[in-house]
């Protein structure tokens, strides 16, 4: 996730980021928080895909989706 994306999401969440010094001082915390949120989202997506009912040939497709989610979560 890019710096500008994290800052924009923080603003949308209600953080007052009027001072660049504040963002600079707390950048590691913002970045760590963004990574935690992304990891949780990947975990939820993986669980949803894993639990989705499938029939016949769709099993291979589901395995490909699970693999893609796992890879994306490791990026």
PDB file of N, CA and C in Angstrom:
ATOM      1  N   UNK A   1       0.846  -1.166   0.000  1.00  0.00           N
ATOM      2  CA  UNK A   1       0.000   0.000   0.000  1.00  0.00           C
ATOM      3  C   UNK A   1       0.900   1.241   0.000  1.00  0.00           C
ATOM      4  N   UNK A   2       0.568   2.178  -0.818  1.00  0.00           N
ATOM      5  CA  UNK A   2       1.384   3.382  -0.960  1.00  0.00           C
ATOM      6  C   UNK A   2       1.107   4.376   0.179  1.00  0.00           C
ATOM      7  N   UNK A   3       2.097   5.229   0.437  1.00  0.00           N
ATOM      8  CA  UNK A   3       2.017   6.220   1.514  1.00  0.00           C
ATOM      9  C   UNK A   3       0.762   7.092   1.389  1.00  0.00           C
ATOM     10  N   UNK A   4       0.521   7.607   0.189  1.00  0.00           N
ATOM     11  CA  UNK A   4      -0.634   8.484  -0.017  1.00  0.00           C
ATOM     12  C   UNK A   4      -1.959   7.767   0.255  1.00  0.00           C
ATOM     13  N   UNK A   5      -2.020   6.484  -0.091  1.00  0.00           N
ATOM     14  CA  UNK A   5      -3.239   5.707   0.161  1.00  0.00           C
ATOM     15  C   UNK A   5      -3.486   5.555   1.663  1.00  0.00           C
ATOM     16  N   UNK A   6      -2.420   5.273   2.402  1.00  0.00           N
ATOM     17  CA  UNK A   6      -2.544   5.109   3.853  1.00  0.00           C
ATOM     18  C   UNK A   6      -2.972   6.419   4.497  1.00  0.00           C
ATOM     19  N   UNK A   7      -2.362   7.515   4.080  1.00  0.00           N
ATOM     20  CA  UNK A   7      -2.715   8.826   4.641  1.00  0.00           C
ATOM     21  C   UNK A   7      -4.166   9.170   4.319  1.00  0.00           C
ATOM     22  N   UNK A   8      -4.603   8.917   3.091  1.00  0.00           N
ATOM     23  CA  UNK A   8      -5.986   9.218   2.714  1.00  0.00           C
ATOM     24  C   UNK A   8      -6.974   8.368   3.515  1.00  0.00           C
ATOM     25  N   UNK A   9      -6.668   7.101   3.705  1.00  0.00           N
ATOM     26  CA  UNK A   9      -7.555   6.245   4.500  1.00  0.00           C
ATOM     27  C   UNK A   9      -7.612   6.722   5.952  1.00  0.00           C
ATOM     28  N   UNK A  10      -6.476   7.150   6.493  1.00  0.00           N
ATOM     29  CA  UNK A  10      -6.444   7.667   7.860  1.00  0.00           C
ATOM     30  C   UNK A  10      -7.310   8.925   7.971  1.00  0.00           C
ATOM     31  N   UNK A  11      -7.229   9.790   6.975  1.00  0.00           N
ATOM     32  CA  UNK A  11      -8.073  10.997   6.967  1.00  0.00           C
ATOM     33  C   UNK A  11      -9.556  10.617   6.914  1.00  0.00           C
ATOM     34  N   UNK A  12      -9.891   9.649   6.047  1.00  0.00           N
ATOM     35  CA  UNK A  12     -11.281   9.217   5.926  1.00  0.00           C
ATOM     36  C   UNK A  12     -11.787   8.586   7.222  1.00  0.00           C
ATOM     37  N   UNK A  13     -10.868   8.000   7.982  1.00  0.00           N
ATOM     38  CA  UNK A  13     -11.241   7.380   9.255  1.00  0.00           C
ATOM     39  C   UNK A  13     -11.359   8.402  10.378  1.00  0.00           C
ATOM     40  N   UNK A  14     -11.013   9.664  10.085  1.00  0.00           N
ATOM     41  CA  UNK A  14     -11.193  10.715  11.078  1.00  0.00           C
ATOM     42  C   UNK A  14      -9.927  11.192  11.759  1.00  0.00           C
ATOM     43  N   UNK A  15      -8.760  10.684  11.347  1.00  0.00           N
ATOM     44  CA  UNK A  15      -7.522  11.182  11.925  1.00  0.00           C
ATOM     45  C   UNK A  15      -7.292  12.610  11.465  1.00  0.00           C
ATOM     46  N   UNK A  16      -6.862  13.456  12.374  1.00  0.00           N
ATOM     47  CA  UNK A  16      -6.533  14.838  12.045  1.00  0.00           C
ATOM     48  C   UNK A  16      -5.058  14.879  11.661  1.00  0.00           C
ATOM     49  N   UNK A  17      -4.807  14.985  10.389  1.00  0.00           N
ATOM     50  CA  UNK A  17      -3.438  14.930   9.885  1.00  0.00           C
ATOM     51  C   UNK A  17      -3.025  16.269   9.289  1.00  0.00           C
ATOM     52  N   UNK A  18      -3.308  17.318   9.999  1.00  0.00           N
ATOM     53  CA  UNK A  18      -3.024  18.666   9.503  1.00  0.00           C
ATOM     54  C   UNK A  18      -1.530  18.958   9.441  1.00  0.00           C
ATOM     55  N   UNK A  19      -0.759  18.304  10.262  1.00  0.00           N
ATOM     56  CA  UNK A  19       0.663  18.610  10.338  1.00  0.00           C
ATOM     57  C   UNK A  19       1.480  17.487   9.731  1.00  0.00           C
ATOM     58  N   UNK A  20       2.315  17.810   8.772  1.00  0.00           N
ATOM     59  CA  UNK A  20       3.167  16.802   8.158  1.00  0.00           C
ATOM     60  C   UNK A  20       4.109  16.162   9.176  1.00  0.00           C
ATOM     61  N   UNK A  21       4.505  16.942  10.204  1.00  0.00           N
ATOM     62  CA  UNK A  21       5.393  16.395  11.228  1.00  0.00           C
ATOM     63  C   UNK A  21       4.732  15.224  11.947  1.00  0.00           C
ATOM     64  N   UNK A  22       3.421  15.334  12.190  1.00  0.00           N
ATOM     65  CA  UNK A  22       2.691  14.258  12.864  1.00  0.00           C
ATOM     66  C   UNK A  22       2.743  12.988  12.018  1.00  0.00           C
ATOM     67  N   UNK A  23       2.476  13.141  10.743  1.00  0.00           N
ATOM     68  CA  UNK A  23       2.509  11.984   9.835  1.00  0.00           C
ATOM     69  C   UNK A  23       3.916  11.405   9.807  1.00  0.00           C
ATOM     70  N   UNK A  24       4.914  12.231   9.719  1.00  0.00           N
ATOM     71  CA  UNK A  24       6.294  11.761   9.671  1.00  0.00           C
ATOM     72  C   UNK A  24       6.661  11.017  10.943  1.00  0.00           C
ATOM     73  N   UNK A  25       6.302  11.582  12.096  1.00  0.00           N
ATOM     74  CA  UNK A  25       6.631  10.961  13.384  1.00  0.00           C
ATOM     75  C   UNK A  25       5.951   9.616  13.567  1.00  0.00           C
ATOM     76  N   UNK A  26       4.753   9.475  13.056  1.00  0.00           N
ATOM     77  CA  UNK A  26       3.961   8.267  13.284  1.00  0.00           C
ATOM     78  C   UNK A  26       3.843   7.380  12.043  1.00  0.00           C
ATOM     79  N   UNK A  27       4.693   7.627  11.056  1.00  0.00           N
ATOM     80  CA  UNK A  27       4.585   6.888   9.808  1.00  0.00           C
ATOM     81  C   UNK A  27       4.679   5.379  10.009  1.00  0.00           C
ATOM     82  N   UNK A  28       5.612   4.925  10.820  1.00  0.00           N
ATOM     83  CA  UNK A  28       5.759   3.481  11.048  1.00  0.00           C
ATOM     84  C   UNK A  28       4.489   2.880  11.629  1.00  0.00           C
ATOM     85  N   UNK A  29       3.839   3.614  12.514  1.00  0.00           N
ATOM     86  CA  UNK A  29       2.590   3.126  13.098  1.00  0.00           C
ATOM     87  C   UNK A  29       1.483   3.058  12.055  1.00  0.00           C
ATOM     88  N   UNK A  30       1.375   4.079  11.212  1.00  0.00           N
ATOM     89  CA  UNK A  30       0.374   4.070  10.138  1.00  0.00           C
ATOM     90  C   UNK A  30       0.611   2.892   9.197  1.00  0.00           C
ATOM     91  N   UNK A  31       1.859   2.691   8.841  1.00  0.00           N
ATOM     92  CA  UNK A  31       2.200   1.619   7.916  1.00  0.00           C
ATOM     93  C   UNK A  31       1.907   0.249   8.535  1.00  0.00           C
ATOM     94  N   UNK A  32       2.251   0.079   9.797  1.00  0.00           N
ATOM     95  CA  UNK A  32       1.986  -1.189  10.483  1.00  0.00           C
ATOM     96  C   UNK A  32       0.484  -1.446  10.577  1.00  0.00           C
ATOM     97  N   UNK A  33      -0.273  -0.394  10.876  1.00  0.00           N
ATOM     98  CA  UNK A  33      -1.726  -0.531  10.970  1.00  0.00           C
ATOM     99  C   UNK A  33      -2.315  -0.928   9.613  1.00  0.00           C
ATOM    100  N   UNK A  34      -1.863  -0.291   8.549  1.00  0.00           N
ATOM    101  CA  UNK A  34      -2.355  -0.613   7.206  1.00  0.00           C
ATOM    102  C   UNK A  34      -2.055  -2.070   6.855  1.00  0.00           C
ATOM    103  N   UNK A  35      -0.889  -2.560   7.235  1.00  0.00           N
ATOM    104  CA  UNK A  35      -0.534  -3.953   6.967  1.00  0.00           C
ATOM    105  C   UNK A  35      -1.428  -4.906   7.755  1.00  0.00           C
ATOM    106  N   UNK A  36      -1.737  -4.560   8.995  1.00  0.00           N
ATOM    107  CA  UNK A  36      -2.627  -5.395   9.807  1.00  0.00           C
ATOM    108  C   UNK A  36      -4.030  -5.452   9.211  1.00  0.00           C
ATOM    109  N   UNK A  37      -4.522  -4.319   8.764  1.00  0.00           N
ATOM    110  CA  UNK A  37      -5.847  -4.274   8.146  1.00  0.00           C
ATOM    111  C   UNK A  37      -5.867  -5.113   6.869  1.00  0.00           C
ATOM    112  N   UNK A  38      -4.846  -4.973   6.038  1.00  0.00           N
ATOM    113  CA  UNK A  38      -4.778  -5.744   4.795  1.00  0.00           C
ATOM    114  C   UNK A  38      -4.685  -7.239   5.080  1.00  0.00           C
ATOM    115  N   UNK A  39      -3.895  -7.620   6.081  1.00  0.00           N
ATOM    116  CA  UNK A  39      -3.765  -9.040   6.422  1.00  0.00           C
ATOM    117  C   UNK A  39      -5.096  -9.616   6.899  1.00  0.00           C
ATOM    118  N   UNK A  40      -5.814  -8.846   7.701  1.00  0.00           N
ATOM    119  CA  UNK A  40      -7.121  -9.301   8.187  1.00  0.00           C
ATOM    120  C   UNK A  40      -8.089  -9.460   7.022  1.00  0.00           C
ATOM    121  N   UNK A  41      -8.071  -8.526   6.090  1.00  0.00           N
ATOM    122  CA  UNK A  41      -8.951  -8.597   4.923  1.00  0.00           C
ATOM    123  C   UNK A  41      -8.630  -9.833   4.082  1.00  0.00           C
ATOM    124  N   UNK A  42      -7.345 -10.104   3.878  1.00  0.00           N
ATOM    125  CA  UNK A  42      -6.959 -11.295   3.125  1.00  0.00           C
ATOM    126  C   UNK A  42      -7.422 -12.564   3.835  1.00  0.00           C
ATOM    127  N   UNK A  43      -7.298 -12.571   5.155  1.00  0.00           N
ATOM    128  CA  UNK A  43      -7.739 -13.719   5.943  1.00  0.00           C
ATOM    129  C   UNK A  43      -9.245 -13.948   5.774  1.00  0.00           C
ATOM    130  N   UNK A  44     -10.008 -12.872   5.822  1.00  0.00           N
ATOM    131  CA  UNK A  44     -11.461 -12.980   5.649  1.00  0.00           C
ATOM    132  C   UNK A  44     -11.822 -13.462   4.249  1.00  0.00           C
ATOM    133  N   UNK A  45     -11.163 -12.911   3.235  1.00  0.00           N
ATOM    134  CA  UNK A  45     -11.419 -13.343   1.854  1.00  0.00           C
ATOM    135  C   UNK A  45     -11.075 -14.816   1.669  1.00  0.00           C
ATOM    136  N   UNK A  46      -9.962 -15.226   2.247  1.00  0.00           N
ATOM    137  CA  UNK A  46      -9.543 -16.617   2.138  1.00  0.00           C
ATOM    138  C   UNK A  46     -10.589 -17.535   2.776  1.00  0.00           C
ATOM    139  N   UNK A  47     -11.045 -17.157   3.968  1.00  0.00           N
ATOM    140  CA  UNK A  47     -12.043 -17.962   4.677  1.00  0.00           C
ATOM    141  C   UNK A  47     -13.356 -18.037   3.892  1.00  0.00           C
ATOM    142  N   UNK A  48     -13.780 -16.920   3.324  1.00  0.00           N
ATOM    143  CA  UNK A  48     -15.001 -16.917   2.516  1.00  0.00           C
ATOM    144  C   UNK A  48     -14.865 -17.838   1.304  1.00  0.00           C
ATOM    145  N   UNK A  49     -13.734 -17.749   0.617  1.00  0.00           N
ATOM    146  CA  UNK A  49     -13.522 -18.591  -0.560  1.00  0.00           C
ATOM    147  C   UNK A  49     -13.414 -20.058  -0.165  1.00  0.00           C
ATOM    148  N   UNK A  50     -12.769 -20.314   0.951  1.00  0.00           N
ATOM    149  CA  UNK A  50     -12.586 -21.685   1.418  1.00  0.00           C
ATOM    150  C   UNK A  50     -13.921 -22.334   1.800  1.00  0.00           C
ATOM    151  N   UNK A  51     -14.804 -21.539   2.386  1.00  0.00           N
ATOM    152  CA  UNK A  51     -16.095 -22.058   2.857  1.00  0.00           C
ATOM    153  C   UNK A  51     -17.188 -22.042   1.795  1.00  0.00           C
ATOM    154  N   UNK A  52     -16.915 -21.449   0.651  1.00  0.00           N
ATOM    155  CA  UNK A  52     -17.941 -21.346  -0.401  1.00  0.00           C
ATOM    156  C   UNK A  52     -18.283 -22.731  -0.948  1.00  0.00           C
ATOM    157  N   UNK A  53     -19.566 -22.992  -1.092  1.00  0.00           N
ATOM    158  CA  UNK A  53     -19.952 -24.287  -1.652  1.00  0.00           C
ATOM    159  C   UNK A  53     -19.562 -24.358  -3.132  1.00  0.00           C
ATOM    160  N   UNK A  54     -19.026 -25.501  -3.536  1.00  0.00           N
ATOM    161  CA  UNK A  54     -18.631 -25.686  -4.934  1.00  0.00           C
ATOM    162  C   UNK A  54     -19.123 -27.042  -5.433  1.00  0.00           C
ATOM    163  N   UNK A  55     -19.262 -27.093  -6.741  1.00  0.00           N
ATOM    164  CA  UNK A  55     -19.682 -28.339  -7.375  1.00  0.00           C
ATOM    165  C   UNK A  55     -18.757 -28.652  -8.539  1.00  0.00           C
ATOM    166  N   UNK A  56     -18.495 -29.910  -8.724  1.00  0.00           N
ATOM    167  CA  UNK A  56     -17.777 -30.379  -9.902  1.00  0.00           C
ATOM    168  C   UNK A  56     -16.477 -29.679 -10.190  1.00  0.00           C
ATOM    169  N   UNK A  57     -16.369 -29.139 -11.395  1.00  0.00           N
ATOM    170  CA  UNK A  57     -15.130 -28.521 -11.867  1.00  0.00           C
ATOM    171  C   UNK A  57     -14.765 -27.239 -11.124  1.00  0.00           C
ATOM    172  N   UNK A  58     -15.675 -26.703 -10.360  1.00  0.00           N
ATOM    173  CA  UNK A  58     -15.412 -25.452  -9.645  1.00  0.00           C
ATOM    174  C   UNK A  58     -14.387 -25.643  -8.530  1.00  0.00           C
ATOM    175  N   UNK A  59     -14.140 -26.865  -8.111  1.00  0.00           N
ATOM    176  CA  UNK A  59     -13.160 -27.113  -7.035  1.00  0.00           C
ATOM    177  C   UNK A  59     -11.767 -26.614  -7.432  1.00  0.00           C
ATOM    178  N   UNK A  60     -11.374 -26.869  -8.652  1.00  0.00           N
ATOM    179  CA  UNK A  60     -10.064 -26.408  -9.114  1.00  0.00           C
ATOM    180  C   UNK A  60     -10.019 -24.881  -9.173  1.00  0.00           C
ATOM    181  N   UNK A  61     -11.099 -24.285  -9.612  1.00  0.00           N
ATOM    182  CA  UNK A  61     -11.180 -22.824  -9.656  1.00  0.00           C
ATOM    183  C   UNK A  61     -11.050 -22.255  -8.250  1.00  0.00           C
ATOM    184  N   UNK A  62     -11.744 -22.869  -7.289  1.00  0.00           N
ATOM    185  CA  UNK A  62     -11.645 -22.387  -5.906  1.00  0.00           C
ATOM    186  C   UNK A  62     -10.211 -22.517  -5.409  1.00  0.00           C
ATOM    187  N   UNK A  63      -9.537 -23.609  -5.714  1.00  0.00           N
ATOM    188  CA  UNK A  63      -8.150 -23.780  -5.282  1.00  0.00           C
ATOM    189  C   UNK A  63      -7.259 -22.694  -5.887  1.00  0.00           C
ATOM    190  N   UNK A  64      -7.511 -22.336  -7.142  1.00  0.00           N
ATOM    191  CA  UNK A  64      -6.744 -21.258  -7.789  1.00  0.00           C
ATOM    192  C   UNK A  64      -7.007 -19.916  -7.107  1.00  0.00           C
ATOM    193  N   UNK A  65      -8.253 -19.668  -6.738  1.00  0.00           N
ATOM    194  CA  UNK A  65      -8.602 -18.423  -6.046  1.00  0.00           C
ATOM    195  C   UNK A  65      -7.929 -18.384  -4.678  1.00  0.00           C
ATOM    196  N   UNK A  66      -7.980 -19.486  -3.941  1.00  0.00           N
ATOM    197  CA  UNK A  66      -7.339 -19.547  -2.624  1.00  0.00           C
ATOM    198  C   UNK A  66      -5.837 -19.300  -2.753  1.00  0.00           C
ATOM    199  N   UNK A  67      -5.237 -19.888  -3.755  1.00  0.00           N
ATOM    200  CA  UNK A  67      -3.805 -19.694  -3.979  1.00  0.00           C
ATOM    201  C   UNK A  67      -3.494 -18.224  -4.286  1.00  0.00           C
ATOM    202  N   UNK A  68      -4.305 -17.610  -5.123  1.00  0.00           N
ATOM    203  CA  UNK A  68      -4.094 -16.196  -5.476  1.00  0.00           C
ATOM    204  C   UNK A  68      -4.250 -15.297  -4.259  1.00  0.00           C
ATOM    205  N   UNK A  69      -5.240 -15.572  -3.419  1.00  0.00           N
ATOM    206  CA  UNK A  69      -5.431 -14.778  -2.202  1.00  0.00           C
ATOM    207  C   UNK A  69      -4.234 -14.936  -1.282  1.00  0.00           C
ATOM    208  N   UNK A  70      -3.770 -16.165  -1.141  1.00  0.00           N
ATOM    209  CA  UNK A  70      -2.615 -16.419  -0.265  1.00  0.00           C
ATOM    210  C   UNK A  70      -1.385 -15.684  -0.776  1.00  0.00           C
ATOM    211  N   UNK A  71      -1.138 -15.749  -2.087  1.00  0.00           N
ATOM    212  CA  UNK A  71       0.011 -15.047  -2.662  1.00  0.00           C
ATOM    213  C   UNK A  71      -0.102 -13.540  -2.482  1.00  0.00           C
ATOM    214  N   UNK A  72      -1.282 -13.020  -2.699  1.00  0.00           N
ATOM    215  CA  UNK A  72      -1.502 -11.567  -2.556  1.00  0.00           C
ATOM    216  C   UNK A  72      -1.260 -11.123  -1.115  1.00  0.00           C
ATOM    217  N   UNK A  73      -1.646 -11.965  -0.174  1.00  0.00           N
ATOM    218  CA  UNK A  73      -1.446 -11.652   1.230  1.00  0.00           C
ATOM    219  C   UNK A  73       0.006 -11.663   1.648  1.00  0.00           C
ATOM    220  N   UNK A  74       0.832 -12.391   0.908  1.00  0.00           N
ATOM    221  CA  UNK A  74       2.259 -12.460   1.214  1.00  0.00           C
ATOM    222  C   UNK A  74       3.052 -11.342   0.549  1.00  0.00           C
ATOM    223  N   UNK A  75       2.424 -10.637  -0.392  1.00  0.00           N
ATOM    224  CA  UNK A  75       3.131  -9.582  -1.132  1.00  0.00           C
ATOM    225  C   UNK A  75       3.384  -8.369  -0.278  1.00  0.00           C
TER     226      UNK A  75
END
